[in-house]
Protein backbone atom coordinates (compact mmCIF):
# COMPACT_ATOMS: atom_id res chain seq x y z
CA MET A 1 -0.41 -0.12 -0.15
CA THR A 2 0.99 3.74 -1.14
CA ALA A 3 -0.75 7.20 0.21
CA VAL A 4 -1.39 9.00 -2.25
CA ARG A 5 -2.46 12.49 -1.72
CA THR A 6 -5.50 13.82 -4.03
CA GLU A 7 -4.27 15.77 -6.17
CA GLU A 8 -1.69 13.36 -7.41
CA LYS A 9 -2.42 11.20 -10.16
CA ARG A 10 -0.20 7.52 -10.90
CA PRO A 11 -0.68 6.21 -14.02
CA GLY A 12 -0.85 2.21 -14.32
CA SER A 13 -2.54 1.76 -10.35
CA ALA A 14 -4.25 -0.57 -9.42
CA ARG A 15 -6.87 0.15 -6.89
CA LYS A 16 -7.39 2.76 -4.94
CA TRP A 17 -9.27 3.59 -1.70
CA ARG A 18 -10.31 7.05 -0.30
CA ALA A 19 -8.63 6.83 3.48
CA SER A 20 -8.30 9.85 6.21
CA THR A 21 -6.54 9.99 8.59
CA ARG A 22 -6.17 12.30 11.86
CA LEU A 23 -3.28 12.53 14.23
CA LYS A 24 -2.62 14.67 17.41
CA ALA A 25 1.16 14.79 18.79
CA LEU A 26 0.66 14.24 22.29
CA ALA A 27 3.91 14.40 23.78
CA SER A 28 7.68 13.77 22.00
CA SER A 29 11.04 12.74 23.71
CA HIS A 30 14.54 11.50 22.11
CA GLY A 31 13.47 11.60 18.77
CA PHE A 32 10.32 9.84 19.03
CA THR A 33 6.84 11.02 18.68
CA PHE A 34 3.10 9.64 20.44
CA LEU A 35 0.38 10.86 18.50
CA GLU A 36 -3.55 10.01 19.04
CA ILE A 37 -4.46 8.74 15.82
CA ASP A 38 -8.05 9.06 14.60
CA ILE A 39 -9.22 7.65 11.38
CA SER A 40 -12.72 7.08 9.58
CA THR A 41 -11.94 4.85 6.92
CA GLY A 42 -9.80 1.62 7.32
CA VAL A 43 -7.89 0.09 4.66
CA THR A 44 -5.62 -1.93 4.92
CA HIS A 45 -2.18 -0.29 6.72
CA GLN A 46 -3.71 2.92 6.47
CA ILE A 47 -2.09 3.86 9.83
CA ARG A 48 0.99 2.74 9.05
CA ALA A 49 1.50 3.93 5.19
CA HIS A 50 0.09 7.42 5.80
CA LEU A 51 2.68 8.01 8.60
CA GLU A 52 6.01 6.40 6.02
CA ALA A 53 4.22 8.46 3.21
CA LEU A 54 5.12 12.16 5.78
CA GLY A 55 8.94 10.64 6.27
CA HIS A 56 7.61 9.39 10.66
CA PRO A 57 7.66 5.10 10.00
CA LEU A 58 6.10 3.52 13.14
CA LEU A 59 8.46 2.94 15.45
CA GLY A 60 9.40 -1.46 15.03
CA ASP A 61 7.32 -0.98 11.84
CA PRO A 62 9.26 -4.40 9.54
CA LEU A 63 7.42 -3.30 6.40
CA TYR A 64 6.88 0.59 6.87
CA GLY A 65 9.49 1.36 8.43
CA ALA A 66 12.08 2.27 6.03
CA GLY A 67 15.25 0.38 8.06
CA GLN A 68 14.17 2.30 11.00
CA PRO A 69 16.20 0.23 13.98
CA ASP A 70 14.28 -0.85 17.33
CA PRO A 71 15.74 0.57 20.13
CA PHE A 72 13.53 -0.50 22.77
CA GLY A 73 14.07 -4.19 21.29
CA LEU A 74 10.15 -4.39 20.54
CA GLY A 75 9.72 -6.65 18.33
CA ARG A 76 7.11 -5.52 17.02
CA GLN A 77 5.41 -2.88 16.34
CA PHE A 78 4.20 0.42 18.05
CA LEU A 79 0.90 0.36 17.64
CA HIS A 80 -2.46 -0.07 20.22
CA ALA A 81 -6.38 1.31 19.85
CA CYS A 82 -6.92 2.10 23.62
CA ASP A 83 -10.57 3.55 22.41
CA LEU A 84 -12.34 1.99 19.69
CA ARG A 85 -15.97 3.63 18.20
CA PHE A 86 -17.83 1.89 15.19
CA ARG A 87 -21.12 2.11 14.42
CA HIS A 88 -22.56 -1.85 14.84
CA PRO A 89 -22.95 -3.25 10.28
CA ARG A 90 -26.50 -4.69 11.49
CA SER A 91 -27.81 -2.58 14.22
CA GLY A 92 -26.43 0.31 13.47
CA LEU A 93 -25.76 0.73 17.49
CA ASP A 94 -22.94 2.59 18.88
CA VAL A 95 -20.24 -0.48 19.63
CA SER A 96 -17.29 1.55 21.85
CA VAL A 97 -14.50 -0.68 23.19
CA THR A 98 -11.26 -0.33 25.71
CA SER A 99 -7.99 -1.45 26.28
CA PRO A 100 -5.18 -1.25 28.42
CA LEU A 101 -1.77 -0.39 27.15
CA PRO A 102 0.63 -3.92 26.57
CA GLU A 103 3.08 -3.03 29.48
CA ASP A 104 6.08 -4.25 26.66
CA LEU A 105 4.42 -0.93 25.06
CA GLY A 106 3.83 1.10 28.48
CA LYS A 107 7.73 0.45 29.13
CA VAL A 108 8.82 2.05 26.22
CA LEU A 109 6.66 5.26 27.28
CA ASP A 110 8.38 5.09 30.79
CA ARG A 111 11.83 5.22 29.59
CA LEU A 112 11.23 7.91 27.36
CA GLY A 113 8.97 9.57 30.39
CA ILE A 114 5.83 9.81 28.00
CA ARG A 115 2.77 9.33 31.14
CA ARG A 116 1.06 6.92 29.40
CA PRO A 117 -2.87 7.63 27.51
CA CYS A 118 -4.48 4.59 28.14
CA PRO A 119 -6.60 3.49 31.58
């Protein structure tokens, strides 16, 4: 997947999906930025591709990480959904799910001196 600005046209491109990603920087430390990300679509690899296109790949991302080292030894992407909200496709009811930050990601934030955002 590749992020393409709406005004760009790529001849011979396969399929295209509209995808909107809103980013809010919550904290920065030692060259890392902790983001709140809001997506209104759910395109495959959307967050990862958009961050890579902005020149700020996701920590620990082997595909879109531009070969950046993982100084924390996570062995996985630093990506977690603390709060997920959507409309149920069958019932039409609003669904809200929360999840605490996994301990390994919390330890990275602790090392960076960034407050843990999830309950």
